[in-house]
Protein backbone atom coordinates (compact mmCIF):
# COMPACT_ATOMS: atom_id res chain seq x y z
CA UNK A 1 -15.46 -11.98 -0.18
CA UNK A 2 -16.46 -10.59 3.05
CA UNK A 3 -15.18 -7.12 4.47
CA UNK A 4 -14.72 -6.66 7.81
CA UNK A 5 -13.93 -2.78 8.54
CA UNK A 6 -11.73 -2.20 11.77
CA UNK A 7 -9.22 0.50 13.26
CA UNK A 8 -5.92 -1.49 13.46
CA UNK A 9 -2.35 -0.95 15.16
CA UNK A 10 0.75 -0.42 13.31
CA UNK A 11 3.63 1.84 12.81
CA UNK A 12 5.59 2.74 9.22
CA UNK A 13 8.87 1.97 11.21
CA UNK A 14 7.71 -1.31 12.75
CA UNK A 15 8.97 -4.11 10.82
CA UNK A 16 6.94 -6.56 12.23
CA UNK A 17 3.80 -4.96 11.41
CA UNK A 18 2.69 -3.48 8.19
CA UNK A 19 5.69 -1.59 7.62
CA UNK A 20 5.49 1.17 4.99
CA UNK A 21 1.80 -0.12 4.52
CA UNK A 22 1.82 1.97 1.58
CA UNK A 23 3.75 4.66 3.80
CA UNK A 24 0.48 4.62 6.13
CA UNK A 25 0.43 4.78 9.61
CA UNK A 26 -2.65 2.52 11.53
CA UNK A 27 -4.12 2.26 15.04
CA UNK A 28 -6.46 -0.61 16.18
CA UNK A 29 -9.10 -1.47 18.58
CA UNK A 30 -11.40 -4.57 18.80
CA UNK A 31 -12.93 -7.05 21.43
CA UNK A 32 -11.70 -10.10 22.36
CA UNK A 33 -13.33 -13.33 23.88
CA UNK A 34 -12.24 -16.58 25.16
CA UNK A 35 -12.05 -19.19 22.40
CA UNK A 36 -9.89 -22.32 21.50
CA UNK A 37 -6.34 -21.17 20.41
CA UNK A 38 -5.26 -21.17 16.96
CA UNK A 39 -1.87 -21.51 16.02
CA UNK A 40 -0.61 -18.56 13.77
CA UNK A 41 -0.99 -19.14 10.29
CA UNK A 42 -4.47 -20.95 10.43
CA UNK A 43 -6.73 -19.72 8.24
CA UNK A 44 -10.15 -19.63 9.92
CA UNK A 45 -11.81 -17.67 7.61
CA UNK A 46 -9.72 -17.01 4.32
CA UNK A 47 -12.40 -15.63 2.55
CA UNK A 48 -12.63 -12.28 5.11
CA UNK A 49 -10.63 -9.45 4.48
CA UNK A 50 -10.12 -7.06 7.47
CA UNK A 51 -10.01 -3.38 6.26
CA UNK A 52 -7.98 -1.20 8.43
CA UNK A 53 -7.83 3.05 8.26
CA UNK A 54 -4.67 5.21 8.60
CA UNK A 55 -2.76 8.26 7.94
CA UNK A 56 -0.85 8.73 5.11
CA UNK A 57 3.17 9.46 4.97
CA UNK A 58 2.78 12.06 2.03
CA UNK A 59 0.04 13.31 -0.11
CA UNK A 60 -1.19 10.99 -2.78
CA UNK A 61 -4.61 11.79 -3.78
CA UNK A 62 -4.12 14.32 -6.93
CA UNK A 63 -2.01 14.46 -9.62
CA UNK A 64 -0.32 17.53 -8.09
CA UNK A 65 0.48 15.24 -5.09
CA UNK A 66 2.12 12.75 -7.51
CA UNK A 67 3.97 15.48 -9.48
CA UNK A 68 5.15 16.89 -6.04
CA UNK A 69 6.39 13.93 -4.13
CA UNK A 70 7.05 11.00 -6.91
CA UNK A 71 10.19 10.32 -8.49
CA UNK A 72 8.61 7.65 -10.82
CA UNK A 73 5.41 6.36 -11.71
CA UNK A 74 5.69 2.67 -13.05
CA UNK A 75 3.71 -0.32 -14.14
CA UNK A 76 4.24 -3.08 -11.74
CA UNK A 77 3.27 -6.79 -11.81
CA UNK A 78 3.54 -8.40 -8.26
CA UNK A 79 4.94 -11.83 -8.76
CA UNK A 80 6.39 -13.14 -5.61
CA UNK A 81 5.39 -12.44 -1.76
CA UNK A 82 7.31 -13.30 1.54
CA UNK A 83 5.37 -13.57 5.09
CA UNK A 84 6.74 -11.94 7.83
CA UNK A 85 7.38 -13.50 11.44
CA UNK A 86 4.99 -11.49 13.96
CA UNK A 87 6.79 -10.41 17.01
CA UNK A 88 7.60 -12.18 20.09
CA UNK A 89 4.60 -10.59 22.41
CA UNK A 90 2.23 -10.75 19.47
CA UNK A 91 2.61 -14.50 19.52
CA UNK A 92 2.72 -15.10 23.02
CA UNK A 93 -0.67 -12.72 23.21
CA UNK A 94 -2.31 -14.78 20.61
CA UNK A 95 -3.33 -11.52 18.40
CA UNK A 96 -1.50 -9.15 16.40
CA UNK A 97 -0.42 -8.52 13.01
CA UNK A 98 1.70 -10.30 10.09
CA UNK A 99 3.55 -8.16 7.68
CA UNK A 100 4.15 -9.13 4.11
CA UNK A 101 6.97 -8.25 1.50
CA UNK A 102 6.03 -8.47 -2.21
CA UNK A 103 8.58 -8.53 -5.12
CA UNK A 104 7.17 -6.43 -7.79
CA UNK A 105 8.39 -6.47 -11.34
CA UNK A 106 8.50 -2.77 -12.90
CA UNK A 107 7.35 -3.45 -16.46
CA UNK A 108 7.10 0.15 -17.85
CA UNK A 109 8.25 3.60 -16.61
CA UNK A 110 5.36 6.08 -17.41
CA UNK A 111 6.72 9.31 -16.05
CA UNK A 112 9.60 10.42 -14.21
CA UNK A 113 10.67 13.63 -12.28
CA UNK A 114 13.14 15.77 -13.87
CA UNK A 115 15.04 15.79 -10.80
CA UNK A 116 14.55 12.43 -9.57
CA UNK A 117 17.69 11.48 -7.64
CA UNK A 118 17.88 7.97 -8.63
CA UNK A 119 16.86 5.99 -11.83
CA UNK A 120 13.86 3.62 -11.69
CA UNK A 121 14.58 0.08 -10.73
CA UNK A 122 13.79 -3.06 -12.36
CA UNK A 123 12.48 -4.73 -9.37
CA UNK A 124 10.90 -3.29 -5.96
CA UNK A 125 10.69 -4.90 -2.66
CA UNK A 126 7.69 -3.44 -1.15
CA UNK A 127 6.37 -3.68 2.32
CA UNK A 128 2.46 -4.48 1.98
CA UNK A 129 -0.50 -5.29 4.07
CA UNK A 130 -0.61 -8.95 5.30
CA UNK A 131 -2.63 -10.59 7.52
CA UNK A 132 -4.11 -10.03 11.36
CA UNK A 133 -4.50 -12.84 13.40
CA UNK A 134 -6.26 -13.78 16.68
CA UNK A 135 -6.29 -17.19 18.34
CA UNK A 136 -8.52 -16.16 21.06
CA UNK A 137 -11.80 -15.46 19.06
CA UNK A 138 -11.53 -18.26 16.71
CA UNK A 139 -10.99 -15.99 13.60
CA UNK A 140 -7.39 -17.23 13.60
CA UNK A 141 -5.66 -15.39 10.36
CA UNK A 142 -7.19 -13.50 7.80
CA UNK A 143 -6.30 -11.04 5.30
CA UNK A 144 -5.47 -7.37 5.98
CA UNK A 145 -5.98 -4.14 3.84
CA UNK A 146 -5.61 -0.84 3.88
CA UNK A 147 -8.99 1.19 3.18
CA UNK A 148 -9.35 3.00 -0.34
CA UNK A 149 -6.33 1.31 -1.55
CA UNK A 150 -4.99 -1.94 -3.00
CA UNK A 151 -3.47 -4.64 -0.61
CA UNK A 152 -1.21 -5.92 -3.69
CA UNK A 153 -1.74 -9.31 -4.51
CA UNK A 154 0.65 -11.74 -6.63
CA UNK A 155 -0.51 -12.02 -10.35
CA UNK A 156 -2.34 -8.47 -10.44
CA UNK A 157 -0.66 -5.34 -12.06
CA UNK A 158 -0.94 -1.92 -10.85
CA UNK A 159 0.41 1.65 -11.43
CA UNK A 160 2.62 2.74 -8.70
CA UNK A 161 4.09 6.15 -7.68
CA UNK A 162 7.39 5.80 -5.82
CA UNK A 163 9.85 8.10 -4.17
CA UNK A 164 13.36 7.48 -3.05
CA UNK A 165 14.18 7.49 0.73
CA UNK A 166 17.64 8.46 1.60
CA UNK A 167 19.52 6.42 4.38
CA UNK A 168 19.41 8.96 7.28
CA UNK A 169 22.58 6.72 8.68
CA UNK A 170 24.58 7.20 5.61
CA UNK A 171 26.22 10.09 3.52
CA UNK A 172 26.19 7.76 0.25
CA UNK A 173 23.21 9.06 -1.84
CA UNK A 174 23.24 5.68 -3.30
CA UNK A 175 22.25 4.11 0.10
CA UNK A 176 18.47 4.41 0.74
CA UNK A 177 14.98 2.72 -0.49
CA UNK A 178 12.16 3.11 -2.70
CA UNK A 179 8.75 3.63 -0.78
CA UNK A 180 5.31 4.47 -2.00
CA UNK A 181 3.58 7.91 -0.94
CA UNK A 182 0.31 6.88 0.78
CA UNK A 183 -2.86 5.09 -0.15
CA UNK A 184 -3.98 7.13 -3.24
CA UNK A 185 -0.72 6.17 -4.96
CA UNK A 186 -1.45 2.83 -6.34
CA UNK A 187 -3.81 1.84 -9.16
CA UNK A 188 -5.25 -1.42 -10.18
CA UNK A 189 -4.39 -2.00 -13.94
CA UNK A 190 -5.08 -5.33 -14.63
CA UNK A 191 -5.43 -5.75 -18.74
CA UNK A 192 -4.38 -2.23 -19.16
CA UNK A 193 -7.45 -0.77 -17.66
CA UNK A 194 -6.96 1.95 -14.92
CA UNK A 195 -9.01 0.82 -11.51
CA UNK A 196 -9.51 -2.69 -12.91
CA UNK A 197 -8.07 -5.52 -10.82
CA UNK A 198 -7.53 -6.02 -6.82
CA UNK A 199 -8.70 -3.46 -4.53
CA UNK A 200 -8.95 -3.55 -0.78
CA UNK A 201 -8.31 -7.31 -1.32
CA UNK A 202 -10.85 -8.00 -3.64
CA UNK A 203 -11.10 -8.04 -7.27
CA UNK A 204 -13.02 -5.29 -8.96
CA UNK A 205 -14.12 -4.31 -12.52
CA UNK A 206 -13.89 -0.55 -13.95
CA UNK A 207 -17.68 -0.64 -14.12
CA UNK A 208 -17.98 -1.47 -10.47
CA UNK A 209 -15.76 1.08 -9.42
CA UNK A 210 -17.56 3.76 -11.61
CA UNK A 211 -20.92 2.66 -9.97
CA UNK A 212 -19.65 3.42 -6.61
CA UNK A 213 -18.26 7.09 -8.02
CA UNK A 214 -21.95 8.06 -8.58
CA UNK A 215 -22.58 9.27 -5.05
CA UNK A 216 -19.19 10.72 -4.52
CA UNK A 217 -18.95 14.61 -5.19
CA UNK A 218 -17.10 15.08 -8.42
CA UNK A 219 -15.02 17.76 -6.79
CA UNK A 220 -13.48 15.37 -4.07
CA UNK A 221 -12.57 12.60 -6.62
CA UNK A 222 -8.91 11.50 -6.33
CA UNK A 223 -6.32 10.88 -9.05
CA UNK A 224 -7.59 7.22 -9.13
CA UNK A 225 -11.22 8.33 -9.59
CA UNK A 226 -10.90 10.57 -12.33
CA UNK A 227 -8.62 8.31 -14.57
CA UNK A 228 -10.89 5.50 -14.06
CA UNK A 229 -11.52 3.05 -16.90
CA UNK A 230 -8.84 4.85 -18.97
CA UNK A 231 -5.60 3.63 -20.11
CA UNK A 232 -1.91 4.54 -19.19
CA UNK A 233 -1.75 7.54 -21.53
CA UNK A 234 -4.85 9.03 -19.58
CA UNK A 235 -2.79 9.29 -16.18
CA UNK A 236 0.28 10.47 -18.01
CA UNK A 237 -1.62 13.41 -19.63
CA UNK A 238 -2.96 14.01 -15.98
CA UNK A 239 0.73 14.29 -14.73
CA UNK A 240 1.94 16.20 -17.69
CA UNK A 241 -0.54 19.06 -16.80
CA UNK A 242 -0.13 18.88 -12.83
CA UNK A 243 1.63 21.53 -11.01
CA UNK A 244 4.09 20.40 -8.36
CA UNK A 245 4.28 22.35 -5.25
CA UNK A 246 6.77 22.73 -2.73
CA UNK A 247 7.53 19.70 -0.95
CA UNK A 248 6.73 19.29 2.83
CA UNK A 249 9.71 17.22 3.74
CA UNK A 250 9.90 15.29 7.30
CA UNK A 251 13.66 15.03 8.22
CA UNK A 252 14.28 11.15 9.09
CA UNK A 253 16.81 10.63 12.03
CA UNK A 254 19.30 7.79 12.04
CA UNK A 255 18.07 4.94 13.96
CA UNK A 256 20.97 2.27 14.33
CA UNK A 257 18.40 -0.46 15.07
CA UNK A 258 17.31 0.08 11.51
CA UNK A 259 20.76 -0.81 10.06
């Protein structure tokens, strides 16, 4: 499968882009050239994956990050996806991003913070990377993924660190949503093996991931790297010994348009 690195445009709060793309903010630049137009949804190169880079909403690379910001760590299986509609401006421009919502079944709860404000849900509805489209250069619609993270594809299993986000427009503590931490808060988990499964829109084995780690300094390994090839108990052991820090809380203001 061909991977195309880019910098892409998006905002966490933008519902028509990759909203809460694993809680990451993105930026995009690209060249345009004249070409016969393609309708939104045309897969001109379905084997290509466009990979974007961004900034995480919260820290998510280490066990300490997970212990600090996660309310629960769960095993999930993606069971359904829904494509979102691009904005009117993107359609008129002939290029943009198509968001995607994935329904994830929670198969098991591995770890919970002692002060978690809400019990873990049975189902998650998560906004995840979808597609980019360009009707002006002949590429049409292509899969979009965030660098160094899973795209989340139906049929695959993952381990997720999730956090409850209160609704800033309500005093009701029961109102809010579940969100991911950052790009490091999802680990492929097909067949019960950490690191095995879908990653950046492609399938990979734990052995392939380990081979790529050989050139990386162990001092900068993430939690996903350190537990690669292990099982769920390997991850839980890391979380049990991790020392949580004081949270760096970002206050959200009420936006009536989000209601």
